[in-house]
Amino acid sequence: MQIFGVDIGGTGIKGAPVDLDRGELAQERHKVLTPHPATPDGVAGCVAEVVDHFGWDGPVGVTFPGVVTGGVTRSAANMDKAWIGVDTAALLRERLGGLPVTVLNDADAAGVAEMTYGAGRGRTGTVILLTLGTGIGSALFTDGRLVPNTELGHLELKGHDAETRASVKAKEDHELTWERWARRLEKYMAHVEMLFSPDLFILGGGVSRKPEKFLPLIDGIRAEIVPAALQNNAGIVGAAMAAKAARVTSAADR
C-alpha cells in the first residue's frame, strides 16, 4: 500500500509516495527549499509543488516542525509566527484540491516510523528520538506508545534554548568542529536523560547519515545511543503512516 508523505523542515520541504508494507520510499523523494519567510501561504505552495511533482491524487500526510493538535499548528519556533493557530490541515487540503490531509509534529512522525520499521522496532521501556537539524525535535515513547508534542529541543541549557546550542544549525552557525558540537550535544542529552531516564536514544535528521563523525565522541550517557535507521526519510514515512491511520479511522466512523 502506498500513501504520500511530506516532511516540512526549516530548510527544505521533501516528499514521496511511501510503500507502507516495507516502510520505504516508493520513489526517489522530491525536495524544494523552504521559503523565507516561511509563511503559511508560501509553505503551502511548496507542499503543493512537491505533491504535484508526482501527480499524486490520494491521501497525504504532512509533518510540521512544531506542536500540532487536531490539525492546528500551535507553535512555530523555526517557521514564521503566522503559523500559530492556523488550521494547517484545512489550509493544505484547500491547496491540494481537496485531497485528504493529515498533519502532525515532525519528530513524532519520525519517531513512529523508527519505532515501526527502524531503530526502535521491538523496543520497550522509554525511547527518545531526537531529530537534529535546523532545530531539535523530540519524540517520547513508553513501551511503544507515543507521548505527542514533547518539544524537548526547547529545554533550557546554560540559559539558552537547547536547540540554539546543540542543533546542526548551531554547529554550522558557530562553525563548530565535530568534537565541540558533540560536547554540546552530550550535555544536552545528559540533561534529557536526567529528566526522563530513557533506555534508548535514537538520533535522527540528516546528520544520522554520518554517525561515525560524532557518536563515538559522546560520553557519559547511560542509555544506548543509535542513529536513525531511516535517516532523514523517517519523517516522510511517518507522515504517510499518519495519513493511513486517519484513513482507517475515517472509514471505521462511517
Foldseek 3Di string as FASTA:
>chain_A
DWFKEWEDDLFKIKIAIADLVQLGGPDDIDMDTQDVQNALVRVLVVVLVRCVVVPDQAEYFYEDAAAADPQQGQDHPSHDRNSHGDSSQVSNCVSNVNHRYHYFHQQQLLVLSCCPNHDNPPPAAWEKEWEAAQFIDIWIDHGSDTDGGPRLQQDADPNGRLRCCAHVVVCVVVVNALLVNLVSVLSSVVVVCVVRVTQEYEYAYQCLVPCVRHVVNRDDDPHHYHYIGNHNCSSRSSRRVRRVVVVVVVVVVD
